[in-house]
Amino acid sequence: MGVVSGQVLVAYLAVVTVLMLTPGPDMLFVLASGVRSGSRAGFVAAVGVAGGETIHLLAAAAGLAALFQSAPLLYDLVRFVGAAYLLWLGVQYLRTRGGQQAVDGRGGAPSTRRAFWRGLITNVLNPKMALFTIALLPQFVDPSRGQVPAQFLVLGACFVALEIMVDGTVGLAAGRLRCALARRRRAARGLDLASGSVFVGLAAKLALTR
């Protein structure tokens, strides 16, 4: 007998796939990162986002995510810190002159590392992801099968893998766009403005909605 039944796993994968394909904050972040710094940075940003989601999954398995439900002040604190971080990123991008990124659209090691950490931090500082995780996974966990932590682990691993596949593809495609337009200074500047605007918009959404 598997940790998770085949029928439940198929249903779970179907639900998660639909959710992943629906544009949300994580996908928009990865899209903006790829447009800003190239394919490699876009893909690594998706890996960073998945790393942040892994932290949320582990917290949910440990019951820590329930703190946000019982401590509204903590929820708001993390939410506003995350919004401030996104706003800071957006302002930095809006102030950048077009063409400063590598013209091959791939980005160097420093930009790649930044993309990973920014993706991870942005996801971790979004408390809605913790609440989403604690609301979604238990619906597919069957206590009667036992090994509840193992079920969380299997479902969480599937979630992270799909997130890297979907958002990573978006990041790669966005980087290709950057590569195609990078040699055109006006177009490159437009991409920087678009990326900065996405981050500012995400900051406003995170700060103003609960």
N, C-alpha and C. Protein backbone atom coordinates (compact mmCIF):
# COMPACT_ATOMS: atom_id res chain seq x y z
N MET A 1 0.85 -1.19 0.00
CA MET A 1 0.00 0.00 0.00
C MET A 1 0.89 1.25 0.00
N GLY A 2 0.65 2.15 -0.95
CA GLY A 2 1.43 3.36 -1.03
C GLY A 2 1.07 4.32 0.09
N VAL A 3 1.94 5.31 0.26
CA VAL A 3 1.68 6.33 1.28
C VAL A 3 0.42 7.09 0.95
N VAL A 4 0.25 7.44 -0.34
CA VAL A 4 -0.94 8.14 -0.82
C VAL A 4 -1.59 7.26 -1.87
N SER A 5 -2.90 7.09 -1.80
CA SER A 5 -3.59 6.26 -2.78
C SER A 5 -3.49 6.87 -4.17
N GLY A 6 -3.48 6.01 -5.19
CA GLY A 6 -3.36 6.49 -6.56
C GLY A 6 -4.48 7.43 -6.96
N GLN A 7 -5.70 7.13 -6.52
CA GLN A 7 -6.84 7.96 -6.87
C GLN A 7 -6.71 9.35 -6.26
N VAL A 8 -6.31 9.40 -5.02
CA VAL A 8 -6.14 10.69 -4.35
C VAL A 8 -5.00 11.48 -5.01
N LEU A 9 -3.92 10.79 -5.35
CA LEU A 9 -2.77 11.46 -5.95
C LEU A 9 -3.13 12.06 -7.30
N VAL A 10 -3.89 11.33 -8.10
CA VAL A 10 -4.31 11.84 -9.41
C VAL A 10 -5.18 13.09 -9.24
N ALA A 11 -6.12 13.03 -8.30
CA ALA A 11 -6.99 14.18 -8.06
C ALA A 11 -6.17 15.38 -7.57
N TYR A 12 -5.24 15.11 -6.69
CA TYR A 12 -4.38 16.18 -6.15
C TYR A 12 -3.55 16.83 -7.25
N LEU A 13 -2.93 16.01 -8.10
CA LEU A 13 -2.11 16.54 -9.18
C LEU A 13 -2.95 17.37 -10.16
N ALA A 14 -4.18 16.94 -10.40
CA ALA A 14 -5.05 17.69 -11.30
C ALA A 14 -5.37 19.07 -10.71
N VAL A 15 -5.70 19.10 -9.42
CA VAL A 15 -6.02 20.37 -8.76
C VAL A 15 -4.81 21.30 -8.74
N VAL A 16 -3.66 20.76 -8.36
CA VAL A 16 -2.45 21.57 -8.26
C VAL A 16 -2.02 22.09 -9.63
N THR A 17 -2.16 21.26 -10.67
CA THR A 17 -1.79 21.70 -12.02
C THR A 17 -2.63 22.88 -12.47
N VAL A 18 -3.93 22.80 -12.21
CA VAL A 18 -4.81 23.92 -12.57
C VAL A 18 -4.41 25.17 -11.80
N LEU A 19 -4.12 25.03 -10.52
CA LEU A 19 -3.70 26.16 -9.71
C LEU A 19 -2.39 26.75 -10.22
N MET A 20 -1.45 25.89 -10.60
CA MET A 20 -0.16 26.37 -11.08
C MET A 20 -0.28 27.13 -12.39
N LEU A 21 -1.20 26.68 -13.25
CA LEU A 21 -1.37 27.32 -14.55
C LEU A 21 -2.15 28.63 -14.47
N THR A 22 -2.76 28.88 -13.33
CA THR A 22 -3.48 30.14 -13.13
C THR A 22 -2.50 31.21 -12.67
N PRO A 23 -2.35 32.30 -13.42
CA PRO A 23 -1.37 33.33 -13.04
C PRO A 23 -1.63 33.85 -11.62
N GLY A 24 -0.58 33.85 -10.83
CA GLY A 24 -0.66 34.35 -9.46
C GLY A 24 0.61 35.11 -9.12
N PRO A 25 0.77 35.52 -7.86
CA PRO A 25 1.95 36.31 -7.47
C PRO A 25 3.27 35.63 -7.78
N ASP A 26 3.37 34.33 -7.52
CA ASP A 26 4.63 33.63 -7.78
C ASP A 26 4.98 33.63 -9.27
N MET A 27 3.99 33.33 -10.11
CA MET A 27 4.24 33.30 -11.54
C MET A 27 4.61 34.69 -12.06
N LEU A 28 3.92 35.72 -11.57
CA LEU A 28 4.23 37.09 -11.99
C LEU A 28 5.63 37.49 -11.54
N PHE A 29 6.02 37.07 -10.35
CA PHE A 29 7.37 37.36 -9.86
C PHE A 29 8.41 36.71 -10.76
N VAL A 30 8.22 35.45 -11.08
CA VAL A 30 9.16 34.74 -11.94
C VAL A 30 9.18 35.36 -13.34
N LEU A 31 8.02 35.71 -13.85
CA LEU A 31 7.93 36.36 -15.17
C LEU A 31 8.74 37.65 -15.19
N ALA A 32 8.54 38.47 -14.17
CA ALA A 32 9.26 39.74 -14.10
C ALA A 32 10.75 39.52 -13.94
N SER A 33 11.14 38.50 -13.18
CA SER A 33 12.56 38.20 -12.99
C SER A 33 13.22 37.77 -14.30
N GLY A 34 12.51 36.94 -15.07
CA GLY A 34 13.05 36.52 -16.36
C GLY A 34 13.16 37.65 -17.35
N VAL A 35 12.14 38.50 -17.38
CA VAL A 35 12.17 39.66 -18.27
C VAL A 35 13.27 40.61 -17.87
N ARG A 36 13.49 40.70 -16.58
CA ARG A 36 14.51 41.63 -16.06
C ARG A 36 15.93 41.12 -16.29
N SER A 37 16.20 39.85 -15.98
CA SER A 37 17.58 39.38 -15.92
C SER A 37 17.90 38.19 -16.80
N GLY A 38 16.95 37.69 -17.56
CA GLY A 38 17.24 36.62 -18.49
C GLY A 38 16.72 35.25 -18.07
N SER A 39 16.90 34.28 -18.97
CA SER A 39 16.33 32.96 -18.79
C SER A 39 16.84 32.26 -17.54
N ARG A 40 18.15 32.30 -17.34
CA ARG A 40 18.72 31.60 -16.19
C ARG A 40 18.18 32.16 -14.88
N ALA A 41 18.15 33.49 -14.78
CA ALA A 41 17.63 34.11 -13.56
C ALA A 41 16.14 33.82 -13.40
N GLY A 42 15.40 33.79 -14.51
CA GLY A 42 13.97 33.49 -14.42
C GLY A 42 13.72 32.10 -13.89
N PHE A 43 14.49 31.12 -14.39
CA PHE A 43 14.31 29.74 -13.91
C PHE A 43 14.73 29.62 -12.46
N VAL A 44 15.87 30.23 -12.11
CA VAL A 44 16.36 30.14 -10.73
C VAL A 44 15.41 30.85 -9.77
N ALA A 45 14.76 31.93 -10.23
CA ALA A 45 13.76 32.59 -9.40
C ALA A 45 12.62 31.62 -9.07
N ALA A 46 12.24 30.79 -10.06
CA ALA A 46 11.21 29.78 -9.82
C ALA A 46 11.68 28.76 -8.79
N VAL A 47 12.95 28.38 -8.85
CA VAL A 47 13.50 27.45 -7.86
C VAL A 47 13.49 28.10 -6.48
N GLY A 48 13.82 29.40 -6.41
CA GLY A 48 13.76 30.10 -5.14
C GLY A 48 12.36 30.15 -4.57
N VAL A 49 11.38 30.43 -5.43
CA VAL A 49 9.98 30.43 -5.00
C VAL A 49 9.59 29.06 -4.47
N ALA A 50 10.03 28.02 -5.18
CA ALA A 50 9.74 26.65 -4.72
C ALA A 50 10.41 26.37 -3.38
N GLY A 51 11.61 26.93 -3.18
CA GLY A 51 12.27 26.78 -1.89
C GLY A 51 11.47 27.43 -0.77
N GLY A 52 10.92 28.61 -1.05
CA GLY A 52 10.07 29.26 -0.07
C GLY A 52 8.83 28.45 0.22
N GLU A 53 8.26 27.86 -0.83
CA GLU A 53 7.07 27.03 -0.64
C GLU A 53 7.40 25.78 0.18
N THR A 54 8.62 25.28 0.01
CA THR A 54 9.05 24.13 0.82
C THR A 54 9.04 24.48 2.30
N ILE A 55 9.48 25.68 2.61
CA ILE A 55 9.47 26.13 4.01
C ILE A 55 8.03 26.19 4.52
N HIS A 56 7.12 26.71 3.70
CA HIS A 56 5.71 26.76 4.11
C HIS A 56 5.15 25.35 4.31
N LEU A 57 5.53 24.43 3.43
CA LEU A 57 5.04 23.06 3.56
C LEU A 57 5.54 22.41 4.84
N LEU A 58 6.81 22.61 5.16
CA LEU A 58 7.35 22.06 6.40
C LEU A 58 6.68 22.69 7.62
N ALA A 59 6.41 23.99 7.52
CA ALA A 59 5.73 24.66 8.63
C ALA A 59 4.32 24.13 8.80
N ALA A 60 3.65 23.89 7.67
CA ALA A 60 2.29 23.35 7.75
C ALA A 60 2.30 21.96 8.37
N ALA A 61 3.27 21.14 7.96
CA ALA A 61 3.37 19.78 8.52
C ALA A 61 3.63 19.82 10.02
N ALA A 62 4.35 20.85 10.46
CA ALA A 62 4.66 20.99 11.89
C ALA A 62 3.57 21.73 12.65
N GLY A 63 2.56 22.22 11.94
CA GLY A 63 1.48 22.96 12.57
C GLY A 63 1.79 24.42 12.83
N LEU A 64 2.95 24.90 12.32
CA LEU A 64 3.32 26.28 12.61
C LEU A 64 2.50 27.29 11.83
N ALA A 65 2.02 26.91 10.65
CA ALA A 65 1.26 27.85 9.84
C ALA A 65 -0.04 28.26 10.53
N ALA A 66 -0.54 27.42 11.44
CA ALA A 66 -1.77 27.75 12.15
C ALA A 66 -1.59 29.00 13.02
N LEU A 67 -0.34 29.39 13.30
CA LEU A 67 -0.10 30.61 14.08
C LEU A 67 -0.69 31.84 13.40
N PHE A 68 -0.64 31.87 12.07
CA PHE A 68 -1.17 33.01 11.35
C PHE A 68 -2.68 33.14 11.54
N GLN A 69 -3.35 32.00 11.73
CA GLN A 69 -4.79 32.04 11.94
C GLN A 69 -5.14 32.52 13.35
N SER A 70 -4.28 32.22 14.30
CA SER A 70 -4.56 32.59 15.68
C SER A 70 -3.89 33.88 16.12
N ALA A 71 -3.00 34.41 15.28
CA ALA A 71 -2.28 35.64 15.64
C ALA A 71 -2.34 36.62 14.46
N PRO A 72 -3.45 37.36 14.34
CA PRO A 72 -3.61 38.29 13.22
C PRO A 72 -2.50 39.34 13.14
N LEU A 73 -1.97 39.78 14.28
CA LEU A 73 -0.91 40.79 14.26
C LEU A 73 0.36 40.23 13.61
N LEU A 74 0.68 38.98 13.89
CA LEU A 74 1.83 38.36 13.28
C LEU A 74 1.63 38.23 11.78
N TYR A 75 0.43 37.85 11.40
CA TYR A 75 0.09 37.74 9.97
C TYR A 75 0.31 39.08 9.27
N ASP A 76 -0.23 40.15 9.86
CA ASP A 76 -0.11 41.47 9.25
C ASP A 76 1.34 41.95 9.21
N LEU A 77 2.10 41.64 10.25
CA LEU A 77 3.51 42.05 10.29
C LEU A 77 4.28 41.41 9.14
N VAL A 78 4.14 40.11 8.96
CA VAL A 78 4.85 39.41 7.89
C VAL A 78 4.37 39.93 6.53
N ARG A 79 3.06 40.17 6.43
CA ARG A 79 2.49 40.65 5.17
C ARG A 79 3.07 42.00 4.78
N PHE A 80 3.17 42.93 5.72
CA PHE A 80 3.68 44.26 5.41
C PHE A 80 5.18 44.25 5.15
N VAL A 81 5.91 43.39 5.84
CA VAL A 81 7.34 43.25 5.55
C VAL A 81 7.54 42.73 4.13
N GLY A 82 6.74 41.75 3.74
CA GLY A 82 6.83 41.23 2.38
C GLY A 82 6.47 42.28 1.35
N ALA A 83 5.44 43.08 1.63
CA ALA A 83 5.04 44.14 0.71
C ALA A 83 6.14 45.19 0.57
N ALA A 84 6.77 45.53 1.69
CA ALA A 84 7.85 46.52 1.66
C ALA A 84 9.03 46.00 0.84
N TYR A 85 9.33 44.71 0.96
CA TYR A 85 10.43 44.12 0.20
C TYR A 85 10.13 44.16 -1.29
N LEU A 86 8.92 43.80 -1.68
CA LEU A 86 8.54 43.84 -3.08
C LEU A 86 8.56 45.27 -3.62
N LEU A 87 8.11 46.21 -2.81
CA LEU A 87 8.13 47.61 -3.22
C LEU A 87 9.56 48.07 -3.45
N TRP A 88 10.46 47.68 -2.56
CA TRP A 88 11.87 48.05 -2.71
C TRP A 88 12.44 47.49 -4.01
N LEU A 89 12.13 46.23 -4.31
CA LEU A 89 12.59 45.64 -5.56
C LEU A 89 12.04 46.40 -6.76
N GLY A 90 10.75 46.73 -6.70
CA GLY A 90 10.13 47.46 -7.80
C GLY A 90 10.77 48.80 -8.05
N VAL A 91 11.06 49.53 -6.99
CA VAL A 91 11.70 50.85 -7.12
C VAL A 91 13.09 50.70 -7.71
N GLN A 92 13.83 49.68 -7.28
CA GLN A 92 15.17 49.46 -7.83
C GLN A 92 15.10 49.20 -9.32
N TYR A 93 14.14 48.43 -9.76
CA TYR A 93 14.02 48.12 -11.18
C TYR A 93 13.58 49.35 -11.98
N LEU A 94 12.68 50.14 -11.41
CA LEU A 94 12.20 51.32 -12.11
C LEU A 94 13.31 52.35 -12.28
N ARG A 95 14.27 52.35 -11.37
CA ARG A 95 15.36 53.31 -11.44
C ARG A 95 16.49 52.86 -12.35
N THR A 96 16.47 51.59 -12.79
CA THR A 96 17.55 51.07 -13.61
C THR A 96 17.40 51.55 -15.05
N ARG A 97 18.51 51.91 -15.64
CA ARG A 97 18.51 52.30 -17.04
C ARG A 97 18.51 51.06 -17.90
N GLY A 98 17.75 51.09 -18.98
CA GLY A 98 17.68 49.96 -19.89
C GLY A 98 19.04 49.62 -20.45
N GLY A 99 19.29 48.32 -20.62
CA GLY A 99 20.54 47.88 -21.21
C GLY A 99 21.61 47.54 -20.21
N GLN A 100 21.36 47.75 -18.90
CA GLN A 100 22.39 47.43 -17.92
C GLN A 100 22.56 45.93 -17.72
N GLN A 101 21.52 45.17 -18.04
CA GLN A 101 21.62 43.72 -17.90
C GLN A 101 22.39 43.14 -19.08
N ALA A 102 22.86 41.94 -18.92
CA ALA A 102 23.62 41.29 -19.99
C ALA A 102 22.79 41.19 -21.25
N VAL A 103 23.37 41.54 -22.39
CA VAL A 103 22.61 41.57 -23.63
C VAL A 103 22.26 40.18 -24.12
N ASP A 104 22.91 39.13 -23.61
CA ASP A 104 22.56 37.78 -24.04
C ASP A 104 21.33 37.27 -23.33
N GLY A 105 20.81 38.05 -22.37
CA GLY A 105 19.57 37.71 -21.70
C GLY A 105 19.68 36.61 -20.67
N ARG A 106 20.88 36.12 -20.40
CA ARG A 106 21.01 35.00 -19.47
C ARG A 106 21.34 35.44 -18.06
N GLY A 107 22.02 36.56 -17.91
CA GLY A 107 22.37 37.03 -16.59
C GLY A 107 23.58 36.29 -16.05
N GLY A 108 24.39 36.94 -15.23
CA GLY A 108 25.56 36.31 -14.67
C GLY A 108 25.26 35.65 -13.34
N ALA A 109 26.33 35.12 -12.71
CA ALA A 109 26.16 34.42 -11.44
C ALA A 109 25.57 35.31 -10.35
N PRO A 110 26.02 36.58 -10.21
CA PRO A 110 25.43 37.43 -9.16
C PRO A 110 23.92 37.62 -9.34
N SER A 111 23.47 37.90 -10.57
CA SER A 111 22.05 38.10 -10.79
C SER A 111 21.27 36.81 -10.57
N THR A 112 21.90 35.67 -10.89
CA THR A 112 21.24 34.38 -10.67
C THR A 112 21.06 34.11 -9.19
N ARG A 113 22.10 34.35 -8.40
CA ARG A 113 21.98 34.17 -6.95
C ARG A 113 20.93 35.10 -6.38
N ARG A 114 20.93 36.35 -6.82
CA ARG A 114 19.92 37.29 -6.32
C ARG A 114 18.52 36.82 -6.67
N ALA A 115 18.35 36.29 -7.88
CA ALA A 115 17.04 35.81 -8.30
C ALA A 115 16.54 34.69 -7.37
N PHE A 116 17.45 33.78 -7.01
CA PHE A 116 17.06 32.69 -6.11
C PHE A 116 16.62 33.22 -4.75
N TRP A 117 17.46 34.05 -4.14
CA TRP A 117 17.15 34.53 -2.80
C TRP A 117 15.93 35.44 -2.80
N ARG A 118 15.78 36.24 -3.85
CA ARG A 118 14.60 37.09 -3.92
C ARG A 118 13.33 36.26 -4.06
N GLY A 119 13.40 35.20 -4.87
CA GLY A 119 12.25 34.32 -5.01
C GLY A 119 11.90 33.65 -3.69
N LEU A 120 12.91 33.16 -2.99
CA LEU A 120 12.67 32.48 -1.71
C LEU A 120 12.11 33.45 -0.68
N ILE A 121 12.73 34.62 -0.55
CA ILE A 121 12.29 35.59 0.47
C ILE A 121 10.89 36.09 0.18
N THR A 122 10.62 36.37 -1.11
CA THR A 122 9.29 36.87 -1.47
C THR A 122 8.21 35.87 -1.12
N ASN A 123 8.46 34.59 -1.37
CA ASN A 123 7.47 33.57 -1.06
C ASN A 123 7.32 33.38 0.45
N VAL A 124 8.45 33.34 1.17
CA VAL A 124 8.39 33.14 2.62
C VAL A 124 7.65 34.28 3.29
N LEU A 125 7.83 35.51 2.80
CA LEU A 125 7.20 36.67 3.41
C LEU A 125 5.77 36.91 2.93
N ASN A 126 5.20 35.93 2.26
CA ASN A 126 3.80 36.00 1.87
C ASN A 126 3.01 35.03 2.74
N PRO A 127 2.41 35.51 3.83
CA PRO A 127 1.72 34.60 4.75
C PRO A 127 0.52 33.91 4.12
N LYS A 128 0.03 34.47 3.01
CA LYS A 128 -1.10 33.83 2.34
C LYS A 128 -0.71 32.45 1.82
N MET A 129 0.56 32.30 1.47
CA MET A 129 1.01 30.99 0.99
C MET A 129 0.96 29.96 2.12
N ALA A 130 1.27 30.39 3.32
CA ALA A 130 1.20 29.47 4.46
C ALA A 130 -0.24 29.04 4.70
N LEU A 131 -1.17 30.00 4.66
CA LEU A 131 -2.58 29.68 4.87
C LEU A 131 -3.11 28.82 3.73
N PHE A 132 -2.66 29.11 2.50
CA PHE A 132 -3.08 28.31 1.36
C PHE A 132 -2.62 26.86 1.52
N THR A 133 -1.38 26.71 1.97
CA THR A 133 -0.82 25.37 2.14
C THR A 133 -1.57 24.58 3.20
N ILE A 134 -1.85 25.23 4.32
CA ILE A 134 -2.52 24.53 5.41
C ILE A 134 -3.99 24.25 5.08
N ALA A 135 -4.53 25.01 4.09
CA ALA A 135 -5.91 24.77 3.68
C ALA A 135 -6.00 23.69 2.61
N LEU A 136 -4.98 23.58 1.75
CA LEU A 136 -5.04 22.65 0.62
C LEU A 136 -4.63 21.23 0.99
N LEU A 137 -3.46 21.07 1.57
CA LEU A 137 -2.91 19.72 1.76
C LEU A 137 -3.77 18.81 2.62
N PRO A 138 -4.31 19.29 3.76
CA PRO A 138 -5.09 18.37 4.60
C PRO A 138 -6.29 17.76 3.89
N GLN A 139 -6.77 18.42 2.82
CA GLN A 139 -7.92 17.87 2.10
C GLN A 139 -7.56 16.56 1.39
N PHE A 140 -6.26 16.34 1.16
CA PHE A 140 -5.83 15.15 0.44
C PHE A 140 -5.07 14.17 1.33
N VAL A 141 -5.04 14.47 2.62
CA VAL A 141 -4.39 13.58 3.58
C VAL A 141 -5.44 12.69 4.22
N ASP A 142 -5.20 11.39 4.23
CA ASP A 142 -6.14 10.42 4.80
C ASP A 142 -5.53 9.85 6.09
N PRO A 143 -6.00 10.34 7.25
CA PRO A 143 -5.44 9.85 8.52
C PRO A 143 -5.60 8.34 8.71
N SER A 144 -6.63 7.76 8.09
CA SER A 144 -6.87 6.33 8.27
C SER A 144 -5.77 5.47 7.64
N ARG A 145 -5.02 6.03 6.70
CA ARG A 145 -3.92 5.32 6.08
C ARG A 145 -2.65 5.36 6.93
N GLY A 146 -2.66 6.25 7.96
CA GLY A 146 -1.47 6.41 8.78
C GLY A 146 -0.38 7.17 8.06
N GLN A 147 0.78 7.27 8.67
CA GLN A 147 1.93 7.96 8.07
C GLN A 147 1.56 9.36 7.57
N VAL A 148 0.88 10.10 8.41
CA VAL A 148 0.43 11.43 8.00
C VAL A 148 1.60 12.33 7.61
N PRO A 149 2.70 12.39 8.38
CA PRO A 149 3.83 13.22 7.94
C PRO A 149 4.37 12.80 6.58
N ALA A 150 4.39 11.48 6.31
CA ALA A 150 4.87 11.00 5.02
C ALA A 150 3.93 11.42 3.90
N GLN A 151 2.62 11.44 4.17
CA GLN A 151 1.67 11.90 3.16
C GLN A 151 1.90 13.37 2.85
N PHE A 152 2.12 14.18 3.89
CA PHE A 152 2.44 15.59 3.69
C PHE A 152 3.70 15.72 2.83
N LEU A 153 4.68 14.89 3.10
CA LEU A 153 5.95 14.97 2.39
C LEU A 153 5.76 14.66 0.90
N VAL A 154 5.02 13.59 0.60
CA VAL A 154 4.79 13.20 -0.79
C VAL A 154 4.01 14.28 -1.54
N LEU A 155 2.92 14.73 -0.93
CA LEU A 155 2.10 15.76 -1.58
C LEU A 155 2.88 17.06 -1.74
N GLY A 156 3.65 17.41 -0.73
CA GLY A 156 4.44 18.63 -0.81
C GLY A 156 5.51 18.55 -1.88
N ALA A 157 6.16 17.39 -2.02
CA ALA A 157 7.18 17.21 -3.04
C ALA A 157 6.57 17.34 -4.44
N CYS A 158 5.38 16.80 -4.63
CA CYS A 158 4.70 16.93 -5.92
C CYS A 158 4.38 18.40 -6.21
N PHE A 159 3.95 19.12 -5.19
CA PHE A 159 3.62 20.53 -5.33
C PHE A 159 4.85 21.32 -5.78
N VAL A 160 5.96 21.09 -5.09
CA VAL A 160 7.20 21.82 -5.39
C VAL A 160 7.69 21.48 -6.80
N ALA A 161 7.63 20.20 -7.17
CA ALA A 161 8.10 19.79 -8.50
C ALA A 161 7.27 20.45 -9.59
N LEU A 162 5.96 20.47 -9.43
CA LEU A 162 5.10 21.11 -10.42
C LEU A 162 5.34 22.61 -10.48
N GLU A 163 5.59 23.21 -9.33
CA GLU A 163 5.85 24.65 -9.31
C GLU A 163 7.12 24.98 -10.09
N ILE A 164 8.16 24.18 -9.93
CA ILE A 164 9.39 24.42 -10.67
C ILE A 164 9.16 24.22 -12.17
N MET A 165 8.40 23.19 -12.53
CA MET A 165 8.15 22.92 -13.94
C MET A 165 7.38 24.06 -14.60
N VAL A 166 6.29 24.49 -13.97
CA VAL A 166 5.43 25.51 -14.58
C VAL A 166 6.07 26.88 -14.52
N ASP A 167 6.42 27.33 -13.31
CA ASP A 167 7.00 28.66 -13.18
C ASP A 167 8.39 28.74 -13.82
N GLY A 168 9.14 27.64 -13.77
CA GLY A 168 10.45 27.62 -14.42
C GLY A 168 10.32 27.81 -15.92
N THR A 169 9.31 27.20 -16.53
CA THR A 169 9.06 27.38 -17.96
C THR A 169 8.72 28.83 -18.27
N VAL A 170 7.91 29.43 -17.40
CA VAL A 170 7.57 30.85 -17.58
C VAL A 170 8.81 31.72 -17.51
N GLY A 171 9.68 31.44 -16.52
CA GLY A 171 10.90 32.21 -16.37
C GLY A 171 11.81 32.08 -17.58
N LEU A 172 11.94 30.87 -18.13
CA LEU A 172 12.77 30.65 -19.31
C LEU A 172 12.21 31.40 -20.51
N ALA A 173 10.89 31.33 -20.70
CA ALA A 173 10.27 32.02 -21.82
C ALA A 173 10.43 33.54 -21.70
N ALA A 174 10.28 34.05 -20.49
CA ALA A 174 10.45 35.49 -20.28
C ALA A 174 11.88 35.92 -20.58
N GLY A 175 12.84 35.06 -20.24
CA GLY A 175 14.23 35.36 -20.53
C GLY A 175 14.51 35.39 -22.02
N ARG A 176 13.84 34.53 -22.78
CA ARG A 176 13.99 34.54 -24.23
C ARG A 176 13.51 35.88 -24.80
N LEU A 177 12.43 36.39 -24.22
CA LEU A 177 11.93 37.70 -24.66
C LEU A 177 12.97 38.77 -24.38
N ARG A 178 13.57 38.71 -23.20
CA ARG A 178 14.61 39.67 -22.85
C ARG A 178 15.78 39.58 -23.83
N CYS A 179 16.14 38.36 -24.17
CA CYS A 179 17.26 38.14 -25.08
C CYS A 179 16.97 38.74 -26.45
N ALA A 180 15.72 38.60 -26.90
CA ALA A 180 15.34 39.10 -28.23
C ALA A 180 15.34 40.63 -28.29
N LEU A 181 15.04 41.27 -27.17
CA LEU A 181 14.88 42.73 -27.17
C LEU A 181 16.01 43.48 -26.48
N ALA A 182 16.97 42.74 -25.90
CA ALA A 182 17.98 43.39 -25.07
C ALA A 182 18.84 44.38 -25.83
N ARG A 183 19.06 44.15 -27.13
CA ARG A 183 19.93 45.04 -27.90
C ARG A 183 19.23 46.33 -28.30
N ARG A 184 17.96 46.39 -28.08
CA ARG A 184 17.21 47.61 -28.37
C ARG A 184 17.04 48.38 -27.06
N ARG A 185 17.74 49.46 -26.93
CA ARG A 185 17.80 50.16 -25.65
C ARG A 185 16.41 50.58 -25.17
N ARG A 186 15.62 51.12 -26.08
CA ARG A 186 14.27 51.56 -25.66
C ARG A 186 13.42 50.38 -25.22
N ALA A 187 13.54 49.26 -25.94
CA ALA A 187 12.77 48.07 -25.56
C ALA A 187 13.25 47.52 -24.22
N ALA A 188 14.58 47.52 -24.02
CA ALA A 188 15.12 47.04 -22.75
C ALA A 188 14.64 47.89 -21.59
N ARG A 189 14.60 49.20 -21.81
CA ARG A 189 14.11 50.08 -20.76
C ARG A 189 12.63 49.81 -20.48
N GLY A 190 11.87 49.54 -21.55
CA GLY A 190 10.46 49.21 -21.36
C GLY A 190 10.27 47.95 -20.54
N LEU A 191 11.15 46.95 -20.77
CA LEU A 191 11.08 45.72 -19.99
C LEU A 191 11.39 45.98 -18.52
N ASP A 192 12.38 46.84 -18.26
CA ASP A 192 12.71 47.19 -16.88
C ASP A 192 11.52 47.87 -16.20
N LEU A 193 10.88 48.79 -16.93
CA LEU A 193 9.71 49.48 -16.37
C LEU A 193 8.57 48.49 -16.11
N ALA A 194 8.38 47.56 -17.04
CA ALA A 194 7.32 46.57 -16.86
C ALA A 194 7.61 45.69 -15.64
N SER A 195 8.87 45.26 -15.49
CA SER A 195 9.23 44.42 -14.35
C SER A 195 9.03 45.16 -13.04
N GLY A 196 9.51 46.40 -13.00
CA GLY A 196 9.35 47.21 -11.79
C GLY A 196 7.89 47.42 -11.45
N SER A 197 7.07 47.65 -12.47
CA SER A 197 5.64 47.88 -12.24
C SER A 197 4.97 46.63 -11.69
N VAL A 198 5.41 45.44 -12.16
CA VAL A 198 4.85 44.18 -11.64
C VAL A 198 5.15 44.05 -10.16
N PHE A 199 6.38 44.34 -9.76
CA PHE A 199 6.76 44.23 -8.35
C PHE A 199 5.99 45.22 -7.49
N VAL A 200 5.84 46.45 -7.97
CA VAL A 200 5.09 47.45 -7.22
C VAL A 200 3.62 47.01 -7.09
N GLY A 201 3.08 46.47 -8.17
CA GLY A 201 1.70 45.98 -8.12
C GLY A 201 1.53 44.82 -7.15
N LEU A 202 2.50 43.90 -7.14
CA LEU A 202 2.43 42.79 -6.19
C LEU A 202 2.53 43.29 -4.75
N ALA A 203 3.38 44.31 -4.54
CA ALA A 203 3.51 44.89 -3.19
C ALA A 203 2.17 45.48 -2.74
N ALA A 204 1.51 46.21 -3.63
CA ALA A 204 0.22 46.82 -3.29
C ALA A 204 -0.83 45.76 -3.01
N LYS A 205 -0.83 44.71 -3.83
CA LYS A 205 -1.82 43.65 -3.62
C LYS A 205 -1.61 42.95 -2.29
N LEU A 206 -0.35 42.67 -1.96
CA LEU A 206 -0.05 41.99 -0.71
C LEU A 206 -0.39 42.87 0.50
N ALA A 207 -0.15 44.18 0.38
CA ALA A 207 -0.38 45.07 1.51
C ALA A 207 -1.86 45.37 1.71
N LEU A 208 -2.63 45.44 0.63
CA LEU A 208 -4.00 45.92 0.70
C LEU A 208 -5.05 44.82 0.81
N THR A 209 -4.68 43.57 0.50
CA THR A 209 -5.65 42.48 0.59
C THR A 209 -5.24 41.50 1.68
N ARG A 210 -6.22 40.90 2.31
CA ARG A 210 -5.96 39.94 3.37
C ARG A 210 -6.48 38.58 2.99
